C-alpha atoms as a PDB file:
ATOM      1  CA  MET A   1      -0.080  -0.042  -0.225  1.00  0.00           C
ATOM      2  CA  GLN A   2       1.373   3.495  -1.015  1.00  0.00           C
ATOM      3  CA  MET A   3       0.470   6.313   1.219  1.00  0.00           C
ATOM      4  CA  ARG A   4       0.969  10.326   0.496  1.00  0.00           C
ATOM      5  CA  THR A   5       0.185  13.416   2.071  1.00  0.00           C
ATOM      6  CA  GLU A   6       0.084  16.858   0.290  1.00  0.00           C
ATOM      7  CA  GLY A   7      -1.297  19.762   2.849  1.00  0.00           C
ATOM      8  CA  PRO A   8      -4.968  18.997   3.288  1.00  0.00           C
ATOM      9  CA  ILE A   9      -5.037  15.741   1.101  1.00  0.00           C
ATOM     10  CA  ARG A  10      -4.213  12.319   1.966  1.00  0.00           C
ATOM     11  CA  THR A  11      -4.166   9.599  -0.761  1.00  0.00           C
ATOM     12  CA  ARG A  12      -3.469   5.932  -0.358  1.00  0.00           C
ATOM     13  CA  ARG A  13      -3.183   3.252  -3.444  1.00  0.00           C
ATOM     14  CA  GLU A  14      -3.894  -0.365  -3.033  1.00  0.00           C
ATOM     15  CA  GLY A  15      -3.813  -2.231  -6.316  1.00  0.00           C
ATOM     16  CA  GLY A  16      -5.901  -0.415  -8.860  1.00  0.00           C
ATOM     17  CA  ILE A  17      -7.948   1.664  -6.413  1.00  0.00           C
ATOM     18  CA  LEU A  18      -6.870   5.210  -5.204  1.00  0.00           C
ATOM     19  CA  GLU A  19      -8.280   6.679  -1.931  1.00  0.00           C
ATOM     20  CA  VAL A  20      -8.438  10.502  -1.461  1.00  0.00           C
ATOM     21  CA  THR A  21      -9.151  11.892   1.703  1.00  0.00           C
ATOM     22  CA  LEU A  22      -9.786  15.417   2.487  1.00  0.00           C
ATOM     23  CA  ASP A  23      -8.524  16.280   5.930  1.00  0.00           C
ATOM     24  CA  ARG A  24      -8.893  19.909   6.645  1.00  0.00           C
ATOM     25  CA  PRO A  25      -9.892  20.612  10.065  1.00  0.00           C
ATOM     26  CA  LYS A  26     -12.309  21.703  11.616  1.00  0.00           C
ATOM     27  CA  ALA A  27     -14.976  21.158   8.704  1.00  0.00           C
ATOM     28  CA  ASN A  28     -13.226  20.186   5.688  1.00  0.00           C
ATOM     29  CA  ALA A  29     -14.021  23.373   4.162  1.00  0.00           C
ATOM     30  CA  ILE A  30     -12.174  23.702   0.742  1.00  0.00           C
ATOM     31  CA  ASP A  31     -10.302  27.115  -0.493  1.00  0.00           C
ATOM     32  CA  LEU A  32      -8.385  27.921  -3.468  1.00  0.00           C
ATOM     33  CA  VAL A  33      -5.212  25.816  -2.566  1.00  0.00           C
ATOM     34  CA  THR A  34      -6.894  22.809  -1.278  1.00  0.00           C
ATOM     35  CA  SER A  35      -9.014  22.788  -4.653  1.00  0.00           C
ATOM     36  CA  ARG A  36      -5.854  22.946  -6.608  1.00  0.00           C
ATOM     37  CA  ILE A  37      -4.251  20.071  -4.693  1.00  0.00           C
ATOM     38  CA  MET A  38      -7.415  17.920  -5.124  1.00  0.00           C
ATOM     39  CA  GLY A  39      -7.229  18.547  -8.842  1.00  0.00           C
ATOM     40  CA  LEU A  40      -3.795  17.548  -9.124  1.00  0.00           C
ATOM     41  CA  ALA A  41      -4.661  14.306  -7.333  1.00  0.00           C
ATOM     42  CA  PHE A  42      -7.544  13.487  -9.410  1.00  0.00           C
ATOM     43  CA  ARG A  43      -5.719  14.510 -12.673  1.00  0.00           C
ATOM     44  CA  ASP A  44      -2.896  11.920 -11.579  1.00  0.00           C
ATOM     45  CA  PHE A  45      -5.554   9.449 -11.025  1.00  0.00           C
ATOM     46  CA  ARG A  46      -7.139  10.142 -14.569  1.00  0.00           C
ATOM     47  CA  ASP A  47      -3.708   9.900 -16.355  1.00  0.00           C
ATOM     48  CA  ASP A  48      -2.244   6.658 -14.577  1.00  0.00           C
ATOM     49  CA  ASP A  49      -3.228   3.498 -16.489  1.00  0.00           C
ATOM     50  CA  SER A  50      -2.635   1.283 -13.723  1.00  0.00           C
ATOM     51  CA  LEU A  51      -5.204   3.154 -11.479  1.00  0.00           C
ATOM     52  CA  ARG A  52      -8.807   1.899 -12.134  1.00  0.00           C
ATOM     53  CA  VAL A  53     -11.117   3.366  -9.294  1.00  0.00           C
ATOM     54  CA  CYS A  54     -11.101   6.139  -7.046  1.00  0.00           C
ATOM     55  CA  ILE A  55     -12.676   6.503  -3.389  1.00  0.00           C
ATOM     56  CA  LEU A  56     -13.304  10.320  -2.301  1.00  0.00           C
ATOM     57  CA  ARG A  57     -13.929  10.610   1.409  1.00  0.00           C
ATOM     58  CA  ALA A  58     -13.260  12.937   4.303  1.00  0.00           C
ATOM     59  CA  GLU A  59     -11.790  12.656   7.626  1.00  0.00           C
ATOM     60  CA  GLY A  60     -13.960  13.123  10.826  1.00  0.00           C
ATOM     61  CA  GLU A  61     -17.396  11.929  11.630  1.00  0.00           C
ATOM     62  CA  LYS A  62     -19.054  15.207  11.619  1.00  0.00           C
ATOM     63  CA  PHE A  63     -18.304  16.790   8.339  1.00  0.00           C
ATOM     64  CA  PHE A  64     -17.837  15.483   4.679  1.00  0.00           C
ATOM     65  CA  CYS A  65     -17.599  18.902   3.421  1.00  0.00           C
ATOM     66  CA  PRO A  66     -19.434  22.269   3.563  1.00  0.00           C
ATOM     67  CA  GLY A  67     -18.163  23.470   0.324  1.00  0.00           C
ATOM     68  CA  TRP A  68     -16.393  26.792   0.032  1.00  0.00           C
ATOM     69  CA  ASP A  69     -14.306  28.043   2.849  1.00  0.00           C
ATOM     70  CA  LEU A  70     -15.991  31.259   3.571  1.00  0.00           C
ATOM     71  CA  LYS A  71     -13.289  32.254   5.994  1.00  0.00           C
ATOM     72  CA  ALA A  72     -10.655  32.077   3.357  1.00  0.00           C
ATOM     73  CA  ALA A  73     -12.940  34.095   1.048  1.00  0.00           C
ATOM     74  CA  ASN A  74     -13.060  36.750   3.721  1.00  0.00           C
ATOM     75  CA  ASP A  75      -9.286  36.561   4.014  1.00  0.00           C
ATOM     76  CA  GLY A  76      -9.124  37.213   0.242  1.00  0.00           C
ATOM     77  CA  ASP A  77      -9.913  33.854  -1.805  1.00  0.00           C
ATOM     78  CA  ALA A  78     -11.800  35.156  -4.630  1.00  0.00           C
ATOM     79  CA  VAL A  79     -15.093  33.159  -5.467  1.00  0.00           C
ATOM     80  CA  ASP A  80     -13.916  33.226  -9.276  1.00  0.00           C
ATOM     81  CA  GLY A  81     -10.298  32.545  -8.306  1.00  0.00           C
ATOM     82  CA  ASP A  82      -8.277  29.707  -9.852  1.00  0.00           C
ATOM     83  CA  TYR A  83      -9.586  26.349  -8.262  1.00  0.00           C
ATOM     84  CA  GLY A  84      -7.169  24.381 -10.269  1.00  0.00           C
ATOM     85  CA  VAL A  85      -7.198  21.592 -13.278  1.00  0.00           C
ATOM     86  CA  GLY A  86     -10.470  20.125 -12.185  1.00  0.00           C
ATOM     87  CA  GLY A  87     -12.555  23.296 -10.937  1.00  0.00           C
ATOM     88  CA  PHE A  88     -14.104  23.471  -7.514  1.00  0.00           C
ATOM     89  CA  GLY A  89     -12.706  20.338  -5.598  1.00  0.00           C
ATOM     90  CA  GLY A  90     -10.901  18.891  -8.440  1.00  0.00           C
ATOM     91  CA  LEU A  91     -13.743  16.794  -9.769  1.00  0.00           C
ATOM     92  CA  GLN A  92     -16.330  19.006 -11.374  1.00  0.00           C
ATOM     93  CA  GLU A  93     -14.749  20.316 -14.523  1.00  0.00           C
ATOM     94  CA  LEU A  94     -11.898  17.725 -14.756  1.00  0.00           C
ATOM     95  CA  PRO A  95     -12.239  16.705 -18.578  1.00  0.00           C
ATOM     96  CA  ASN A  96     -12.011  13.252 -19.907  1.00  0.00           C
ATOM     97  CA  LEU A  97     -12.066  11.482 -16.341  1.00  0.00           C
ATOM     98  CA  ASN A  98     -13.351   8.021 -17.767  1.00  0.00           C
ATOM     99  CA  LYS A  99     -12.905   6.115 -14.560  1.00  0.00           C
ATOM    100  CA  PRO A 100     -15.350   5.308 -11.836  1.00  0.00           C
ATOM    101  CA  VAL A 101     -15.643   7.608  -8.698  1.00  0.00           C
ATOM    102  CA  ILE A 102     -17.144   6.766  -5.556  1.00  0.00           C
ATOM    103  CA  ALA A 103     -17.918   9.204  -2.916  1.00  0.00           C
ATOM    104  CA  ALA A 104     -18.303   8.045   0.730  1.00  0.00           C
ATOM    105  CA  VAL A 105     -20.106  10.915   2.455  1.00  0.00           C
ATOM    106  CA  ASN A 106     -19.964  10.781   6.388  1.00  0.00           C
ATOM    107  CA  GLY A 107     -21.672  13.661   8.304  1.00  0.00           C
ATOM    108  CA  ILE A 108     -22.484  17.245   7.062  1.00  0.00           C
ATOM    109  CA  CYS A 109     -22.553  17.508   3.046  1.00  0.00           C
ATOM    110  CA  CYS A 110     -23.722  20.749   1.841  1.00  0.00           C
ATOM    111  CA  GLY A 111     -23.060  23.528  -0.511  1.00  0.00           C
ATOM    112  CA  GLY A 112     -20.158  22.659  -2.767  1.00  0.00           C
ATOM    113  CA  GLY A 113     -19.522  19.742  -0.591  1.00  0.00           C
ATOM    114  CA  LEU A 114     -22.809  18.332  -2.197  1.00  0.00           C
ATOM    115  CA  GLU A 115     -21.617  19.477  -5.717  1.00  0.00           C
ATOM    116  CA  LEU A 116     -18.601  17.800  -5.238  1.00  0.00           C
ATOM    117  CA  ALA A 117     -20.214  14.455  -4.148  1.00  0.00           C
ATOM    118  CA  LEU A 118     -22.771  14.932  -6.945  1.00  0.00           C
ATOM    119  CA  SER A 119     -19.414  14.980  -9.333  1.00  0.00           C
ATOM    120  CA  ALA A 120     -18.803  11.194  -8.483  1.00  0.00           C
ATOM    121  CA  ASP A 121     -20.390   8.333 -10.098  1.00  0.00           C
ATOM    122  CA  LEU A 122     -21.616   6.780  -6.976  1.00  0.00           C
ATOM    123  CA  ILE A 123     -22.306   7.880  -3.588  1.00  0.00           C
ATOM    124  CA  LEU A 124     -22.394   5.848  -0.450  1.00  0.00           C
ATOM    125  CA  ALA A 125     -23.543   7.555   2.772  1.00  0.00           C
ATOM    126  CA  SER A 126     -23.657   6.799   6.679  1.00  0.00           C
ATOM    127  CA  GLU A 127     -26.731   7.075   8.415  1.00  0.00           C
ATOM    128  CA  ASN A 128     -25.683  10.161   9.913  1.00  0.00           C
ATOM    129  CA  ALA A 129     -25.205  11.842   6.556  1.00  0.00           C
ATOM    130  CA  THR A 130     -27.231  15.362   6.125  1.00  0.00           C
ATOM    131  CA  PHE A 131     -27.785  17.337   3.156  1.00  0.00           C
ATOM    132  CA  ALA A 132     -28.418  21.021   1.873  1.00  0.00           C
ATOM    133  CA  LEU A 133     -27.976  23.473  -0.790  1.00  0.00           C
ATOM    134  CA  PRO A 134     -28.190  26.587   1.717  1.00  0.00           C
ATOM    135  CA  GLU A 135     -26.483  28.832  -1.066  1.00  0.00           C
ATOM    136  CA  ILE A 136     -29.753  30.834  -1.139  1.00  0.00           C
ATOM    137  CA  ARG A 137     -29.756  31.832   2.590  1.00  0.00           C
ATOM    138  CA  SER A 138     -26.141  33.775   1.519  1.00  0.00           C
ATOM    139  CA  GLY A 139     -27.557  35.295  -1.539  1.00  0.00           C
ATOM    140  CA  THR A 140     -25.872  33.356  -3.921  1.00  0.00           C
ATOM    141  CA  VAL A 141     -26.314  30.346  -6.476  1.00  0.00           C
ATOM    142  CA  ALA A 142     -25.382  26.765  -6.039  1.00  0.00           C
ATOM    143  CA  ASP A 143     -24.255  27.079  -9.708  1.00  0.00           C
ATOM    144  CA  ALA A 144     -23.038  23.258 -10.447  1.00  0.00           C
ATOM    145  CA  ALA A 145     -26.052  21.844  -8.405  1.00  0.00           C
ATOM    146  CA  SER A 146     -28.263  24.025 -10.601  1.00  0.00           C
ATOM    147  CA  ILE A 147     -27.168  22.420 -13.629  1.00  0.00           C
ATOM    148  CA  LYS A 148     -27.136  18.782 -12.181  1.00  0.00           C
ATOM    149  CA  LEU A 149     -29.689  18.327  -9.523  1.00  0.00           C
ATOM    150  CA  PRO A 150     -32.746  18.782 -11.971  1.00  0.00           C
ATOM    151  CA  LYS A 151     -31.056  16.195 -14.160  1.00  0.00           C
ATOM    152  CA  ARG A 152     -30.772  13.502 -11.423  1.00  0.00           C
ATOM    153  CA  ILE A 153     -33.857  13.660  -9.461  1.00  0.00           C
ATOM    154  CA  PRO A 154     -37.270  14.937 -10.047  1.00  0.00           C
ATOM    155  CA  TYR A 155     -37.571  18.549 -11.335  1.00  0.00           C
ATOM    156  CA  HIS A 156     -39.963  19.739  -8.610  1.00  0.00           C
ATOM    157  CA  VAL A 157     -37.660  18.078  -5.877  1.00  0.00           C
ATOM    158  CA  ALA A 158     -34.717  19.805  -7.207  1.00  0.00           C
ATOM    159  CA  MET A 159     -36.172  23.220  -7.243  1.00  0.00           C
ATOM    160  CA  ASP A 160     -37.590  22.640  -3.691  1.00  0.00           C
ATOM    161  CA  LEU A 161     -33.821  21.825  -2.448  1.00  0.00           C
ATOM    162  CA  LEU A 162     -32.420  25.045  -4.506  1.00  0.00           C
ATOM    163  CA  LEU A 163     -35.115  27.602  -3.680  1.00  0.00           C
ATOM    164  CA  THR A 164     -35.452  26.443   0.014  1.00  0.00           C
ATOM    165  CA  GLY A 165     -32.005  25.492   0.951  1.00  0.00           C
ATOM    166  CA  ARG A 166     -33.747  22.967   3.382  1.00  0.00           C
ATOM    167  CA  TRP A 167     -32.003  20.320   4.769  1.00  0.00           C
ATOM    168  CA  PHE A 168     -32.526  16.778   4.135  1.00  0.00           C
ATOM    169  CA  ASP A 169     -31.221  13.206   5.276  1.00  0.00           C
ATOM    170  CA  ALA A 170     -29.848  10.261   4.056  1.00  0.00           C
ATOM    171  CA  GLU A 171     -33.150   8.190   3.887  1.00  0.00           C
ATOM    172  CA  GLU A 172     -34.565  11.004   1.589  1.00  0.00           C
ATOM    173  CA  ALA A 173     -31.332  11.337  -0.474  1.00  0.00           C
ATOM    174  CA  LEU A 174     -31.702   7.490  -1.125  1.00  0.00           C
ATOM    175  CA  ARG A 175     -35.570   7.714  -1.909  1.00  0.00           C
ATOM    176  CA  TRP A 176     -34.842  10.141  -4.760  1.00  0.00           C
ATOM    177  CA  GLY A 177     -31.925   8.270  -6.136  1.00  0.00           C
ATOM    178  CA  LEU A 178     -28.987  10.242  -5.037  1.00  0.00           C
ATOM    179  CA  LEU A 179     -27.374   7.489  -3.017  1.00  0.00           C
ATOM    180  CA  LYS A 180     -26.476   3.903  -4.200  1.00  0.00           C
ATOM    181  CA  GLU A 181     -26.600   2.820  -0.339  1.00  0.00           C
ATOM    182  CA  ILE A 182     -26.957   4.048   3.329  1.00  0.00           C
ATOM    183  CA  THR A 183     -24.491   2.183   6.017  1.00  0.00           C
ATOM    184  CA  THR A 184     -23.428   2.711   9.241  1.00  0.00           C
ATOM    185  CA  GLN A 185     -20.235   5.114  10.470  1.00  0.00           C
ATOM    186  CA  ALA A 186     -18.381   2.172  11.295  1.00  0.00           C
ATOM    187  CA  ASN A 187     -18.739   0.314   7.771  1.00  0.00           C
ATOM    188  CA  LEU A 188     -18.955   3.322   5.549  1.00  0.00           C
ATOM    189  CA  LEU A 189     -15.236   2.966   4.538  1.00  0.00           C
ATOM    190  CA  SER A 190     -15.261  -0.913   4.188  1.00  0.00           C
ATOM    191  CA  LYS A 191     -18.383  -0.560   1.888  1.00  0.00           C
ATOM    192  CA  ALA A 192     -16.584   1.804  -0.366  1.00  0.00           C
ATOM    193  CA  TRP A 193     -13.653  -0.434  -0.436  1.00  0.00           C
ATOM    194  CA  ASP A 194     -15.972  -3.324  -1.242  1.00  0.00           C
ATOM    195  CA  LEU A 195     -17.322  -1.674  -4.112  1.00  0.00           C
ATOM    196  CA  ALA A 196     -14.194  -0.338  -5.543  1.00  0.00           C
ATOM    197  CA  ARG A 197     -12.796  -3.845  -5.307  1.00  0.00           C
ATOM    198  CA  LEU A 198     -15.782  -5.085  -7.306  1.00  0.00           C
ATOM    199  CA  LEU A 199     -15.383  -2.227  -9.983  1.00  0.00           C
ATOM    200  CA  GLU A 200     -11.463  -2.738 -10.146  1.00  0.00           C
ATOM    201  CA  SER A 201     -12.344  -6.409 -10.893  1.00  0.00           C
ATOM    202  CA  GLY A 202     -14.471  -5.384 -13.862  1.00  0.00           C
ATOM    203  CA  PRO A 203     -13.220  -4.073 -17.710  1.00  0.00           C
ATOM    204  CA  PRO A 204     -11.953  -0.682 -17.437  1.00  0.00           C
ATOM    205  CA  LEU A 205     -12.330   0.049 -21.220  1.00  0.00           C
ATOM    206  CA  VAL A 206     -15.914  -0.574 -21.059  1.00  0.00           C
ATOM    207  CA  TYR A 207     -16.066   1.698 -17.854  1.00  0.00           C
ATOM    208  CA  ALA A 208     -14.166   4.381 -19.918  1.00  0.00           C
ATOM    209  CA  ALA A 209     -16.559   3.966 -22.803  1.00  0.00           C
ATOM    210  CA  ILE A 210     -19.675   4.065 -20.561  1.00  0.00           C
ATOM    211  CA  LYS A 211     -18.601   7.343 -18.933  1.00  0.00           C
ATOM    212  CA  GLU A 212     -17.840   9.307 -22.284  1.00  0.00           C
ATOM    213  CA  VAL A 213     -20.984   8.038 -23.786  1.00  0.00           C
ATOM    214  CA  VAL A 214     -23.030   9.393 -20.617  1.00  0.00           C
ATOM    215  CA  ARG A 215     -21.334  12.492 -20.709  1.00  0.00           C
ATOM    216  CA  GLU A 216     -21.352  13.356 -24.307  1.00  0.00           C
ATOM    217  CA  ALA A 217     -25.077  12.050 -25.041  1.00  0.00           C
ATOM    218  CA  GLU A 218     -26.413  14.245 -21.928  1.00  0.00           C
ATOM    219  CA  ASN A 219     -27.209  17.134 -24.447  1.00  0.00           C
ATOM    220  CA  MET A 220     -27.568  15.085 -27.847  1.00  0.00           C
ATOM    221  CA  ARG A 221     -30.550  13.789 -29.590  1.00  0.00           C
ATOM    222  CA  PHE A 222     -30.973   9.877 -29.045  1.00  0.00           C
ATOM    223  CA  GLN A 223     -30.013   9.051 -32.785  1.00  0.00           C
ATOM    224  CA  ASP A 224     -27.072  11.395 -32.912  1.00  0.00           C
ATOM    225  CA  ALA A 225     -25.712   9.750 -30.080  1.00  0.00           C
ATOM    226  CA  LEU A 226     -26.431   6.299 -31.209  1.00  0.00           C
ATOM    227  CA  ASN A 227     -25.002   6.912 -34.202  1.00  0.00           C
ATOM    228  CA  ARG A 228     -21.765   8.428 -32.797  1.00  0.00           C
ATOM    229  CA  ILE A 229     -21.443   5.138 -30.763  1.00  0.00           C
ATOM    230  CA  THR A 230     -22.408   2.823 -34.031  1.00  0.00           C
ATOM    231  CA  LYS A 231     -19.837   4.714 -36.121  1.00  0.00           C
ATOM    232  CA  ARG A 232     -17.001   4.572 -33.394  1.00  0.00           C
ATOM    233  CA  GLN A 233     -16.884   8.289 -33.418  1.00  0.00           C
ATOM    234  CA  MET A 234     -15.927   8.599 -29.843  1.00  0.00           C
ATOM    235  CA  ALA A 235     -12.511   7.700 -28.803  1.00  0.00           C
ATOM    236  CA  THR A 236     -13.130   5.377 -25.916  1.00  0.00           C
ATOM    237  CA  VAL A 237     -15.653   3.298 -27.981  1.00  0.00           C
ATOM    238  CA  ASP A 238     -13.343   3.067 -30.861  1.00  0.00           C
ATOM    239  CA  ARG A 239     -10.581   1.947 -28.598  1.00  0.00           C
ATOM    240  CA  LEU A 240     -12.805  -0.506 -26.879  1.00  0.00           C
ATOM    241  CA  TYR A 241     -13.996  -2.276 -29.983  1.00  0.00           C
ATOM    242  CA  SER A 242     -10.588  -2.594 -31.383  1.00  0.00           C
ATOM    243  CA  SER A 243      -9.122  -3.994 -28.095  1.00  0.00           C
ATOM    244  CA  GLU A 244      -8.037  -7.473 -26.808  1.00  0.00           C
ATOM    245  CA  ASP A 245     -10.439  -7.025 -23.901  1.00  0.00           C
ATOM    246  CA  GLN A 246     -13.534  -7.164 -26.161  1.00  0.00           C
ATOM    247  CA  LEU A 247     -12.183 -10.362 -27.757  1.00  0.00           C
ATOM    248  CA  GLU A 248     -11.572 -11.590 -24.237  1.00  0.00           C
ATOM    249  CA  GLY A 249     -14.909 -10.845 -23.059  1.00  0.00           C
ATOM    250  CA  ALA A 250     -16.926 -12.934 -25.942  1.00  0.00           C
ATOM    251  CA  ARG A 251     -14.188 -15.575 -25.501  1.00  0.00           C
ATOM    252  CA  ALA A 252     -14.447 -15.884 -21.667  1.00  0.00           C
ATOM    253  CA  PHE A 253     -18.421 -15.994 -22.384  1.00  0.00           C
ATOM    254  CA  ALA A 254     -18.260 -18.896 -24.746  1.00  0.00           C
ATOM    255  CA  GLU A 255     -15.671 -20.752 -22.596  1.00  0.00           C
ATOM    256  CA  LYS A 256     -17.909 -20.403 -19.535  1.00  0.00           C
ATOM    257  CA  ARG A 257     -15.227 -18.744 -17.305  1.00  0.00           C
ATOM    258  CA  ASP A 258     -14.298 -15.279 -15.949  1.00  0.00           C
ATOM    259  CA  PRO A 259     -12.751 -12.956 -18.141  1.00  0.00           C
ATOM    260  CA  VAL A 260      -9.143 -11.695 -17.669  1.00  0.00           C
ATOM    261  CA  TRP A 261      -9.198  -8.012 -18.266  1.00  0.00           C
ATOM    262  CA  LYS A 262      -5.995  -6.438 -19.306  1.00  0.00           C
ATOM    263  CA  GLY A 263      -7.179  -2.784 -20.196  1.00  0.00           C
ATOM    264  CA  ARG A 264      -5.813  -2.911 -23.619  1.00  0.00           C
END
């Protein structure tokens, strides 16, 4: 296992899994420096072919992340400052991230912290997790959430959360489909690692194609998106259809055995 610490960010690596931990007491709020470090960590994850899955978590029992550090803003951090290569929190605007990311949410997850969790592909939460988009109360807009949330959950529910800034618990988040699973605080990290190991054993080129198709098709007509797939006009799809892994998948199915994925 490889471990590394850079300021408020810790990483540890086991096989093809990278765990990124936000550890910035007292509340894990994110300032410009922290955001830039996170962006570099997620960029390195994206660009390392030996890494397949990432877990994003935060240290402590009370806070996952409340979002933007208002104290840092008061000390001079500009809201429209340089968040780094991946935008706020390193994930929201990181281009071509074609690998699965799991968010393990414990405690308070609000504002930009909830937007950060929404940037993951799968969200697990502890039973004490609570969520909100309270930007409305401070006279600002939850920008990324205003774009993403109405596409993830029913429109009127998303608007309720955006317009009122009210808090909601893990059970409600699960009911609206934001969470994959709720677990205990004690089991949250082990559940995230179990899920990461399951994904690590899967076909990385297929994951990459799924993520690119979902991302690119979001604002396309169905037939246009399907044509781009069938004509191999997406880079990850073209690579998949020319890969050893696709042949291995068919061969393993015919031979009634588990496939051995090589990512090529």
